[in-house]
Amino acid sequence: MPSNDDRTTSAVLADLGRRLEAHRLERNLTQVELGKRAGVGRSTVQKIEGGQTVQTLSLFKILRALELLEAVDASIPERVELPVMELDRLRQRRQRARQRANAAGIDDEPEEVWTWGDEQ
């Protein structure tokens, strides 16, 4: 499936159904045989291959029976890193050691007062 998919949910389900049917046929399984291996009825296999909705549990049983469950697991990352998260992380970077020492009241160097240089 393409990234940033703008297809309708129905189109995605239909595509998923066609793919699952192809995997079933590659394994030379009938819908009844796949249903038995997955622990679901033939009608559930028919529904999913036809692009209809089924319970998530049934989908995962079918994926497991077709040895495709690992592919689903791999397609959903543990954690998503968004650019906004990186900005937040950069903002929270720790201070330099000298600044932390001064913040703690330890004055190892007197701070110079910065000026523009045009004061009289």
N, C-alpha and C. Protein backbone atom coordinates (compact mmCIF):
# COMPACT_ATOMS: atom_id res chain seq x y z
N MET A 1 0.83 -1.19 0.00
CA MET A 1 0.00 0.00 0.00
C MET A 1 0.87 1.25 0.00
N PRO A 2 0.52 2.20 -0.79
CA PRO A 2 1.33 3.42 -0.86
C PRO A 2 1.34 4.19 0.45
N SER A 3 2.44 4.92 0.69
CA SER A 3 2.46 5.76 1.88
C SER A 3 1.57 6.97 1.63
N ASN A 4 1.09 7.59 2.71
CA ASN A 4 0.15 8.71 2.62
C ASN A 4 -1.02 8.36 1.73
N ASP A 5 -1.55 7.19 1.96
CA ASP A 5 -2.62 6.64 1.15
C ASP A 5 -3.88 7.48 1.26
N ASP A 6 -4.43 7.90 0.13
CA ASP A 6 -5.65 8.68 0.16
C ASP A 6 -6.85 7.88 -0.35
N ARG A 7 -6.68 6.55 -0.44
CA ARG A 7 -7.79 5.71 -0.85
C ARG A 7 -8.82 5.62 0.27
N THR A 8 -10.02 5.28 -0.09
CA THR A 8 -11.06 5.11 0.91
C THR A 8 -10.78 3.85 1.72
N THR A 9 -11.41 3.77 2.87
CA THR A 9 -11.26 2.57 3.70
C THR A 9 -11.76 1.34 2.95
N SER A 10 -12.83 1.48 2.20
CA SER A 10 -13.36 0.36 1.41
C SER A 10 -12.33 -0.13 0.40
N ALA A 11 -11.63 0.79 -0.24
CA ALA A 11 -10.62 0.41 -1.23
C ALA A 11 -9.45 -0.30 -0.56
N VAL A 12 -9.07 0.16 0.62
CA VAL A 12 -7.97 -0.48 1.37
C VAL A 12 -8.38 -1.90 1.77
N LEU A 13 -9.61 -2.05 2.26
CA LEU A 13 -10.09 -3.38 2.65
C LEU A 13 -10.16 -4.32 1.46
N ALA A 14 -10.60 -3.80 0.30
CA ALA A 14 -10.67 -4.62 -0.91
C ALA A 14 -9.27 -5.08 -1.33
N ASP A 15 -8.30 -4.16 -1.27
CA ASP A 15 -6.93 -4.51 -1.62
C ASP A 15 -6.36 -5.54 -0.66
N LEU A 16 -6.59 -5.34 0.63
CA LEU A 16 -6.14 -6.30 1.63
C LEU A 16 -6.75 -7.67 1.38
N GLY A 17 -8.04 -7.70 1.07
CA GLY A 17 -8.71 -8.96 0.78
C GLY A 17 -8.10 -9.68 -0.41
N ARG A 18 -7.81 -8.93 -1.48
CA ARG A 18 -7.19 -9.54 -2.67
C ARG A 18 -5.80 -10.11 -2.33
N ARG A 19 -5.07 -9.39 -1.52
CA ARG A 19 -3.73 -9.86 -1.13
C ARG A 19 -3.82 -11.14 -0.29
N LEU A 20 -4.74 -11.15 0.65
CA LEU A 20 -4.89 -12.35 1.49
C LEU A 20 -5.34 -13.54 0.65
N GLU A 21 -6.24 -13.30 -0.29
CA GLU A 21 -6.67 -14.38 -1.19
C GLU A 21 -5.49 -14.92 -1.99
N ALA A 22 -4.64 -14.03 -2.50
CA ALA A 22 -3.47 -14.47 -3.26
C ALA A 22 -2.54 -15.31 -2.40
N HIS A 23 -2.33 -14.91 -1.14
CA HIS A 23 -1.48 -15.69 -0.24
C HIS A 23 -2.11 -17.06 0.04
N ARG A 24 -3.42 -17.09 0.19
CA ARG A 24 -4.10 -18.38 0.43
C ARG A 24 -3.92 -19.30 -0.77
N LEU A 25 -4.12 -18.75 -1.97
CA LEU A 25 -4.00 -19.56 -3.19
C LEU A 25 -2.56 -20.01 -3.43
N GLU A 26 -1.57 -19.17 -3.10
CA GLU A 26 -0.16 -19.57 -3.22
C GLU A 26 0.14 -20.78 -2.34
N ARG A 27 -0.58 -20.89 -1.24
CA ARG A 27 -0.38 -22.02 -0.32
C ARG A 27 -1.30 -23.19 -0.66
N ASN A 28 -2.05 -23.03 -1.77
CA ASN A 28 -2.96 -24.07 -2.25
C ASN A 28 -3.98 -24.49 -1.19
N LEU A 29 -4.56 -23.48 -0.54
CA LEU A 29 -5.56 -23.72 0.50
C LEU A 29 -6.94 -23.27 0.00
N THR A 30 -7.95 -24.04 0.34
CA THR A 30 -9.31 -23.57 0.09
C THR A 30 -9.70 -22.63 1.22
N GLN A 31 -10.80 -21.93 1.03
CA GLN A 31 -11.29 -21.05 2.10
C GLN A 31 -11.65 -21.86 3.34
N VAL A 32 -12.19 -23.06 3.13
CA VAL A 32 -12.55 -23.93 4.26
C VAL A 32 -11.30 -24.35 5.01
N GLU A 33 -10.24 -24.74 4.27
CA GLU A 33 -9.00 -25.18 4.91
C GLU A 33 -8.34 -24.03 5.69
N LEU A 34 -8.31 -22.86 5.10
CA LEU A 34 -7.74 -21.71 5.80
C LEU A 34 -8.56 -21.39 7.04
N GLY A 35 -9.88 -21.44 6.91
CA GLY A 35 -10.74 -21.19 8.06
C GLY A 35 -10.46 -22.16 9.20
N LYS A 36 -10.29 -23.44 8.87
CA LYS A 36 -9.99 -24.45 9.90
C LYS A 36 -8.64 -24.18 10.55
N ARG A 37 -7.64 -23.87 9.73
CA ARG A 37 -6.32 -23.57 10.30
C ARG A 37 -6.35 -22.33 11.20
N ALA A 38 -7.16 -21.36 10.81
CA ALA A 38 -7.22 -20.10 11.55
C ALA A 38 -8.19 -20.17 12.72
N GLY A 39 -9.09 -21.15 12.71
CA GLY A 39 -10.09 -21.23 13.77
C GLY A 39 -11.25 -20.27 13.55
N VAL A 40 -11.52 -19.98 12.27
CA VAL A 40 -12.66 -19.13 11.92
C VAL A 40 -13.49 -19.87 10.87
N GLY A 41 -14.66 -19.39 10.62
CA GLY A 41 -15.52 -20.02 9.63
C GLY A 41 -15.17 -19.60 8.21
N ARG A 42 -15.65 -20.42 7.24
CA ARG A 42 -15.42 -20.10 5.84
C ARG A 42 -16.01 -18.75 5.48
N SER A 43 -17.13 -18.40 6.09
CA SER A 43 -17.77 -17.12 5.78
C SER A 43 -16.88 -15.94 6.20
N THR A 44 -16.12 -16.11 7.27
CA THR A 44 -15.19 -15.05 7.69
C THR A 44 -14.09 -14.88 6.66
N VAL A 45 -13.57 -15.98 6.15
CA VAL A 45 -12.54 -15.92 5.11
C VAL A 45 -13.12 -15.26 3.86
N GLN A 46 -14.34 -15.63 3.50
CA GLN A 46 -15.00 -15.03 2.34
C GLN A 46 -15.16 -13.52 2.53
N LYS A 47 -15.59 -13.13 3.71
CA LYS A 47 -15.80 -11.71 3.97
C LYS A 47 -14.50 -10.92 3.82
N ILE A 48 -13.45 -11.40 4.46
CA ILE A 48 -12.20 -10.63 4.42
C ILE A 48 -11.63 -10.59 3.01
N GLU A 49 -11.74 -11.69 2.28
CA GLU A 49 -11.24 -11.70 0.90
C GLU A 49 -12.11 -10.82 0.01
N GLY A 50 -13.36 -10.63 0.38
CA GLY A 50 -14.27 -9.79 -0.38
C GLY A 50 -14.20 -8.32 0.00
N GLY A 51 -13.31 -7.97 0.92
CA GLY A 51 -13.14 -6.58 1.30
C GLY A 51 -14.14 -6.10 2.33
N GLN A 52 -14.80 -7.03 2.98
CA GLN A 52 -15.76 -6.66 4.02
C GLN A 52 -15.06 -6.60 5.37
N THR A 53 -15.72 -5.98 6.33
CA THR A 53 -15.13 -5.89 7.66
C THR A 53 -15.31 -7.19 8.42
N VAL A 54 -14.32 -7.50 9.23
CA VAL A 54 -14.36 -8.66 10.13
C VAL A 54 -13.78 -8.21 11.46
N GLN A 55 -13.95 -9.01 12.47
CA GLN A 55 -13.36 -8.68 13.77
C GLN A 55 -11.84 -8.73 13.67
N THR A 56 -11.20 -7.86 14.42
CA THR A 56 -9.75 -7.80 14.41
C THR A 56 -9.15 -9.14 14.80
N LEU A 57 -9.74 -9.80 15.78
CA LEU A 57 -9.24 -11.11 16.21
C LEU A 57 -9.26 -12.10 15.05
N SER A 58 -10.31 -12.09 14.26
CA SER A 58 -10.40 -13.00 13.10
C SER A 58 -9.31 -12.67 12.08
N LEU A 59 -9.08 -11.39 11.85
CA LEU A 59 -8.03 -10.98 10.91
C LEU A 59 -6.68 -11.51 11.38
N PHE A 60 -6.38 -11.36 12.67
CA PHE A 60 -5.09 -11.82 13.17
C PHE A 60 -4.98 -13.34 13.14
N LYS A 61 -6.07 -14.04 13.34
CA LYS A 61 -6.04 -15.51 13.23
C LYS A 61 -5.72 -15.94 11.81
N ILE A 62 -6.32 -15.25 10.84
CA ILE A 62 -6.05 -15.56 9.43
C ILE A 62 -4.61 -15.22 9.07
N LEU A 63 -4.14 -14.07 9.51
CA LEU A 63 -2.74 -13.70 9.25
C LEU A 63 -1.78 -14.70 9.85
N ARG A 64 -2.07 -15.17 11.06
CA ARG A 64 -1.20 -16.16 11.69
C ARG A 64 -1.21 -17.47 10.89
N ALA A 65 -2.38 -17.89 10.46
CA ALA A 65 -2.50 -19.14 9.69
C ALA A 65 -1.75 -19.04 8.36
N LEU A 66 -1.68 -17.85 7.78
CA LEU A 66 -0.96 -17.64 6.53
C LEU A 66 0.51 -17.27 6.78
N GLU A 67 0.92 -17.27 8.03
CA GLU A 67 2.29 -16.91 8.44
C GLU A 67 2.66 -15.49 8.00
N LEU A 68 1.71 -14.57 8.18
CA LEU A 68 1.91 -13.17 7.82
C LEU A 68 1.84 -12.23 9.02
N LEU A 69 1.63 -12.76 10.20
CA LEU A 69 1.47 -11.92 11.38
C LEU A 69 2.73 -11.11 11.69
N GLU A 70 3.90 -11.70 11.44
CA GLU A 70 5.15 -11.00 11.71
C GLU A 70 5.29 -9.76 10.83
N ALA A 71 4.77 -9.82 9.62
CA ALA A 71 4.85 -8.67 8.71
C ALA A 71 4.03 -7.50 9.25
N VAL A 72 2.89 -7.78 9.86
CA VAL A 72 2.06 -6.73 10.45
C VAL A 72 2.79 -6.13 11.64
N ASP A 73 3.37 -6.98 12.46
CA ASP A 73 4.11 -6.50 13.62
C ASP A 73 5.26 -5.60 13.19
N ALA A 74 5.96 -5.98 12.13
CA ALA A 74 7.10 -5.19 11.65
C ALA A 74 6.65 -3.87 11.04
N SER A 75 5.43 -3.81 10.54
CA SER A 75 4.97 -2.58 9.87
C SER A 75 4.53 -1.49 10.83
N ILE A 76 4.37 -1.83 12.10
CA ILE A 76 3.95 -0.83 13.09
C ILE A 76 5.08 -0.65 14.08
N PRO A 77 5.80 0.47 13.99
CA PRO A 77 6.95 0.67 14.87
C PRO A 77 6.55 0.83 16.33
N GLU A 78 7.47 0.48 17.21
CA GLU A 78 7.26 0.67 18.65
C GLU A 78 6.98 2.12 18.97
N ARG A 79 7.78 2.99 18.34
CA ARG A 79 7.70 4.41 18.65
C ARG A 79 7.87 5.20 17.37
N VAL A 80 7.14 6.25 17.25
CA VAL A 80 7.23 7.11 16.08
C VAL A 80 7.92 8.41 16.49
N GLU A 81 8.96 8.77 15.77
CA GLU A 81 9.69 10.00 16.03
C GLU A 81 9.17 11.08 15.08
N LEU A 82 8.50 12.05 15.61
CA LEU A 82 7.99 13.15 14.81
C LEU A 82 8.93 14.35 14.92
N PRO A 83 9.00 15.20 13.89
CA PRO A 83 9.88 16.37 13.96
C PRO A 83 9.61 17.25 15.17
N VAL A 84 8.36 17.36 15.57
CA VAL A 84 8.02 18.17 16.75
C VAL A 84 8.67 17.58 18.00
N MET A 85 8.72 16.27 18.09
CA MET A 85 9.35 15.62 19.24
C MET A 85 10.84 15.96 19.30
N GLU A 86 11.49 16.02 18.14
CA GLU A 86 12.90 16.36 18.10
C GLU A 86 13.12 17.79 18.57
N LEU A 87 12.23 18.70 18.16
CA LEU A 87 12.34 20.09 18.63
C LEU A 87 12.22 20.16 20.15
N ASP A 88 11.26 19.45 20.71
CA ASP A 88 11.10 19.43 22.16
C ASP A 88 12.35 18.88 22.85
N ARG A 89 12.93 17.84 22.26
CA ARG A 89 14.13 17.24 22.84
C ARG A 89 15.29 18.25 22.80
N LEU A 90 15.41 19.00 21.71
CA LEU A 90 16.48 20.00 21.61
C LEU A 90 16.29 21.11 22.63
N ARG A 91 15.05 21.51 22.88
CA ARG A 91 14.78 22.56 23.86
C ARG A 91 15.12 22.11 25.28
N GLN A 92 15.04 20.83 25.52
CA GLN A 92 15.27 20.31 26.88
C GLN A 92 16.70 19.86 27.11
N ARG A 93 17.60 20.19 26.19
CA ARG A 93 19.00 19.81 26.36
C ARG A 93 19.54 20.38 27.66
N ARG A 94 20.42 19.64 28.27
CA ARG A 94 20.97 20.11 29.54
C ARG A 94 21.86 21.33 29.32
N GLN A 95 22.03 22.08 30.38
CA GLN A 95 22.84 23.28 30.32
C GLN A 95 24.32 22.91 30.36
N ARG A 96 25.15 23.85 29.97
CA ARG A 96 26.59 23.62 30.08
C ARG A 96 26.96 23.48 31.55
N ALA A 97 28.04 22.84 31.84
CA ALA A 97 28.46 22.60 33.22
C ALA A 97 28.66 23.91 33.98
N ARG A 98 29.25 24.91 33.36
CA ARG A 98 29.49 26.18 34.03
C ARG A 98 28.17 26.84 34.41
N GLN A 99 27.20 26.80 33.51
CA GLN A 99 25.91 27.42 33.79
C GLN A 99 25.22 26.69 34.94
N ARG A 100 25.31 25.40 34.97
CA ARG A 100 24.69 24.66 36.07
C ARG A 100 25.37 24.98 37.39
N ALA A 101 26.70 25.13 37.37
CA ALA A 101 27.41 25.45 38.60
C ALA A 101 26.98 26.82 39.11
N ASN A 102 26.84 27.79 38.21
CA ASN A 102 26.38 29.12 38.62
C ASN A 102 24.95 29.06 39.12
N ALA A 103 24.12 28.28 38.51
CA ALA A 103 22.73 28.16 38.94
C ALA A 103 22.64 27.54 40.32
N ALA A 104 23.64 26.72 40.66
CA ALA A 104 23.65 26.08 41.97
C ALA A 104 24.29 26.97 43.03
N GLY A 105 24.73 28.18 42.64
CA GLY A 105 25.33 29.09 43.61
C GLY A 105 26.82 28.94 43.73
N ILE A 106 27.43 28.17 42.87
CA ILE A 106 28.88 28.00 42.89
C ILE A 106 29.45 28.98 41.88
N ASP A 107 30.23 29.93 42.35
CA ASP A 107 30.74 30.97 41.47
C ASP A 107 32.22 30.72 41.23
N ASP A 108 32.53 29.92 40.18
CA ASP A 108 33.93 29.65 39.91
C ASP A 108 34.57 30.74 39.06
N GLU A 109 33.76 31.50 38.32
CA GLU A 109 34.26 32.62 37.54
C GLU A 109 33.25 33.75 37.65
N PRO A 110 33.72 34.97 37.85
CA PRO A 110 32.75 36.07 37.85
C PRO A 110 32.20 36.27 36.45
N GLU A 111 30.91 36.49 36.37
CA GLU A 111 30.28 36.70 35.06
C GLU A 111 30.56 38.10 34.59
N GLU A 112 30.89 38.23 33.31
CA GLU A 112 31.10 39.54 32.73
C GLU A 112 29.75 40.06 32.27
N VAL A 113 29.54 41.35 32.45
CA VAL A 113 28.32 41.98 32.00
C VAL A 113 28.55 42.44 30.57
N TRP A 114 27.71 41.99 29.68
CA TRP A 114 27.85 42.32 28.28
C TRP A 114 27.17 43.65 28.00
N THR A 115 27.82 44.47 27.20
CA THR A 115 27.23 45.76 26.80
C THR A 115 27.40 45.92 25.30
N TRP A 116 26.66 46.84 24.74
CA TRP A 116 26.74 47.15 23.32
C TRP A 116 28.02 47.92 23.01
N GLY A 117 28.55 48.59 23.96
CA GLY A 117 29.77 49.34 23.74
C GLY A 117 29.53 50.80 23.41
N ASP A 118 28.27 51.21 23.31
CA ASP A 118 28.00 52.61 23.00
C ASP A 118 27.43 53.36 24.21
N GLU A 119 27.50 52.72 25.39
CA GLU A 119 27.02 53.38 26.60
C GLU A 119 28.05 54.41 27.04
N GLN A 120 27.62 55.47 27.67
CA GLN A 120 28.52 56.52 28.10
C GLN A 120 28.63 56.58 29.58
